[in-house]
N, C-alpha and C. Protein backbone atom coordinates (compact mmCIF):
# COMPACT_ATOMS: atom_id res chain seq x y z
N MET A 1 3.83 1.00 -28.36
CA MET A 1 2.78 0.01 -28.32
C MET A 1 2.33 -0.17 -26.87
N ARG A 2 1.01 -0.34 -26.73
CA ARG A 2 0.48 -0.63 -25.41
C ARG A 2 -0.85 -1.34 -25.55
N ALA A 3 -1.23 -2.06 -24.51
CA ALA A 3 -2.49 -2.79 -24.51
C ALA A 3 -3.63 -1.88 -24.06
N ILE A 4 -4.83 -2.19 -24.57
CA ILE A 4 -6.04 -1.51 -24.10
C ILE A 4 -7.10 -2.57 -23.84
N VAL A 5 -8.01 -2.26 -22.93
CA VAL A 5 -9.07 -3.18 -22.55
C VAL A 5 -10.41 -2.62 -22.99
N ASP A 6 -11.21 -3.44 -23.66
CA ASP A 6 -12.59 -3.09 -23.96
C ASP A 6 -13.40 -3.53 -22.74
N GLU A 7 -13.71 -2.58 -21.87
CA GLU A 7 -14.36 -2.88 -20.60
C GLU A 7 -15.72 -3.55 -20.78
N SER A 8 -16.38 -3.33 -21.90
CA SER A 8 -17.69 -3.95 -22.12
C SER A 8 -17.57 -5.45 -22.37
N LEU A 9 -16.37 -5.92 -22.74
CA LEU A 9 -16.16 -7.34 -23.00
C LEU A 9 -15.47 -8.06 -21.84
N CYS A 10 -14.80 -7.32 -20.96
CA CYS A 10 -14.02 -7.91 -19.88
C CYS A 10 -14.93 -8.53 -18.82
N SER A 11 -14.63 -9.79 -18.46
CA SER A 11 -15.41 -10.48 -17.44
C SER A 11 -14.74 -10.43 -16.07
N GLY A 12 -13.52 -9.87 -16.02
CA GLY A 12 -12.81 -9.79 -14.75
C GLY A 12 -12.24 -11.11 -14.28
N CYS A 13 -11.97 -12.01 -15.20
CA CYS A 13 -11.52 -13.37 -14.86
C CYS A 13 -10.09 -13.43 -14.31
N GLU A 14 -9.32 -12.40 -14.52
CA GLU A 14 -7.94 -12.26 -14.03
C GLU A 14 -6.92 -13.08 -14.80
N SER A 15 -7.28 -13.70 -15.91
CA SER A 15 -6.32 -14.48 -16.70
C SER A 15 -5.15 -13.62 -17.16
N CYS A 16 -5.41 -12.39 -17.51
CA CYS A 16 -4.37 -11.50 -18.02
C CYS A 16 -3.38 -11.08 -16.94
N VAL A 17 -3.84 -10.99 -15.71
CA VAL A 17 -2.99 -10.49 -14.61
C VAL A 17 -1.76 -11.37 -14.42
N GLY A 18 -1.96 -12.66 -14.38
CA GLY A 18 -0.84 -13.57 -14.17
C GLY A 18 0.11 -13.69 -15.34
N LEU A 19 -0.32 -13.28 -16.51
CA LEU A 19 0.51 -13.38 -17.71
C LEU A 19 1.41 -12.18 -17.94
N CYS A 20 1.10 -11.07 -17.33
CA CYS A 20 1.83 -9.82 -17.59
C CYS A 20 3.19 -9.83 -16.90
N PRO A 21 4.28 -9.81 -17.69
CA PRO A 21 5.62 -9.86 -17.09
C PRO A 21 6.02 -8.56 -16.38
N THR A 22 5.32 -7.47 -16.66
CA THR A 22 5.67 -6.19 -16.03
C THR A 22 4.68 -5.79 -14.94
N GLU A 23 3.72 -6.69 -14.64
CA GLU A 23 2.70 -6.44 -13.62
C GLU A 23 1.90 -5.16 -13.90
N ALA A 24 1.64 -4.92 -15.18
CA ALA A 24 0.87 -3.74 -15.57
C ALA A 24 -0.64 -3.98 -15.51
N MET A 25 -1.06 -5.23 -15.42
CA MET A 25 -2.48 -5.57 -15.39
C MET A 25 -2.98 -5.68 -13.95
N ILE A 26 -4.10 -5.05 -13.67
CA ILE A 26 -4.76 -5.18 -12.38
C ILE A 26 -6.26 -5.36 -12.62
N ILE A 27 -6.95 -5.85 -11.63
CA ILE A 27 -8.40 -5.94 -11.69
C ILE A 27 -8.97 -4.94 -10.69
N ARG A 28 -9.81 -4.06 -11.16
CA ARG A 28 -10.45 -3.07 -10.31
C ARG A 28 -11.94 -3.08 -10.63
N ASN A 29 -12.75 -3.26 -9.61
CA ASN A 29 -14.21 -3.34 -9.80
C ASN A 29 -14.58 -4.41 -10.82
N ARG A 30 -13.88 -5.55 -10.76
CA ARG A 30 -14.12 -6.71 -11.62
C ARG A 30 -13.90 -6.44 -13.11
N ILE A 31 -13.04 -5.46 -13.41
CA ILE A 31 -12.67 -5.14 -14.79
C ILE A 31 -11.15 -5.01 -14.86
N ALA A 32 -10.54 -5.56 -15.89
CA ALA A 32 -9.10 -5.43 -16.08
C ALA A 32 -8.74 -3.99 -16.41
N LYS A 33 -7.69 -3.52 -15.78
CA LYS A 33 -7.16 -2.18 -16.03
C LYS A 33 -5.68 -2.33 -16.32
N ILE A 34 -5.16 -1.43 -17.14
CA ILE A 34 -3.75 -1.46 -17.50
C ILE A 34 -3.08 -0.21 -16.94
N MET A 35 -2.04 -0.43 -16.17
CA MET A 35 -1.24 0.68 -15.67
C MET A 35 -0.26 1.05 -16.78
N VAL A 36 -0.65 2.05 -17.55
CA VAL A 36 0.04 2.41 -18.80
C VAL A 36 1.55 2.59 -18.65
N PRO A 37 2.04 3.23 -17.59
CA PRO A 37 3.50 3.41 -17.51
C PRO A 37 4.29 2.09 -17.47
N PHE A 38 3.63 1.01 -17.07
CA PHE A 38 4.32 -0.28 -16.95
C PHE A 38 4.11 -1.19 -18.16
N CYS A 39 3.13 -0.90 -18.99
CA CYS A 39 2.82 -1.75 -20.14
C CYS A 39 3.86 -1.56 -21.24
N LYS A 40 4.43 -2.68 -21.68
CA LYS A 40 5.44 -2.66 -22.74
C LYS A 40 4.88 -3.13 -24.08
N GLY A 41 3.58 -3.46 -24.12
CA GLY A 41 2.96 -3.86 -25.38
C GLY A 41 3.35 -5.24 -25.87
N CYS A 42 3.74 -6.12 -24.96
CA CYS A 42 4.22 -7.45 -25.35
C CYS A 42 3.10 -8.35 -25.90
N GLY A 43 1.86 -8.13 -25.45
CA GLY A 43 0.73 -8.90 -25.96
C GLY A 43 0.41 -10.19 -25.23
N TYR A 44 1.16 -10.53 -24.18
CA TYR A 44 0.86 -11.75 -23.43
C TYR A 44 -0.57 -11.71 -22.90
N CYS A 45 -1.02 -10.57 -22.45
CA CYS A 45 -2.38 -10.44 -21.91
C CYS A 45 -3.43 -10.71 -22.98
N VAL A 46 -3.15 -10.31 -24.20
CA VAL A 46 -4.07 -10.51 -25.32
C VAL A 46 -4.31 -12.00 -25.54
N HIS A 47 -3.23 -12.77 -25.53
CA HIS A 47 -3.34 -14.21 -25.80
C HIS A 47 -4.01 -14.97 -24.66
N GLY A 48 -3.98 -14.40 -23.47
CA GLY A 48 -4.61 -15.06 -22.33
C GLY A 48 -6.04 -14.68 -22.10
N CYS A 49 -6.55 -13.72 -22.85
CA CYS A 49 -7.92 -13.22 -22.64
C CYS A 49 -8.91 -14.04 -23.46
N GLY A 50 -9.71 -14.84 -22.77
CA GLY A 50 -10.72 -15.66 -23.43
C GLY A 50 -11.91 -14.86 -23.95
N GLU A 51 -12.05 -13.65 -23.48
CA GLU A 51 -13.16 -12.80 -23.89
C GLU A 51 -12.79 -11.91 -25.09
N GLU A 52 -11.53 -11.94 -25.51
CA GLU A 52 -11.04 -11.07 -26.57
C GLU A 52 -11.28 -9.60 -26.26
N ALA A 53 -11.08 -9.25 -24.98
CA ALA A 53 -11.33 -7.89 -24.52
C ALA A 53 -10.09 -7.00 -24.56
N ILE A 54 -8.93 -7.60 -24.86
CA ILE A 54 -7.69 -6.83 -24.84
C ILE A 54 -7.05 -6.87 -26.23
N ARG A 55 -6.50 -5.73 -26.61
CA ARG A 55 -5.73 -5.67 -27.86
C ARG A 55 -4.57 -4.73 -27.67
N VAL A 56 -3.59 -4.83 -28.53
CA VAL A 56 -2.41 -3.97 -28.45
C VAL A 56 -2.49 -2.92 -29.55
N LEU A 57 -2.32 -1.67 -29.14
CA LEU A 57 -2.27 -0.56 -30.09
C LEU A 57 -0.83 -0.29 -30.47
N GLU A 58 -0.61 -0.02 -31.73
CA GLU A 58 0.75 0.30 -32.17
C GLU A 58 0.90 1.80 -32.29
């Protein structure tokens, strides 16, 4: 499992960055990016995204 970002929905608000326990979330060019090797698929970023731009793939 891992998270993915729909870049067309992401506002770059950084809410997801502070929620990620593995520091897999970064903001680059005002869009959330996921460093896949660090993502454990916990979903904390999903719950913190007000834009509904993140989801977890199984």
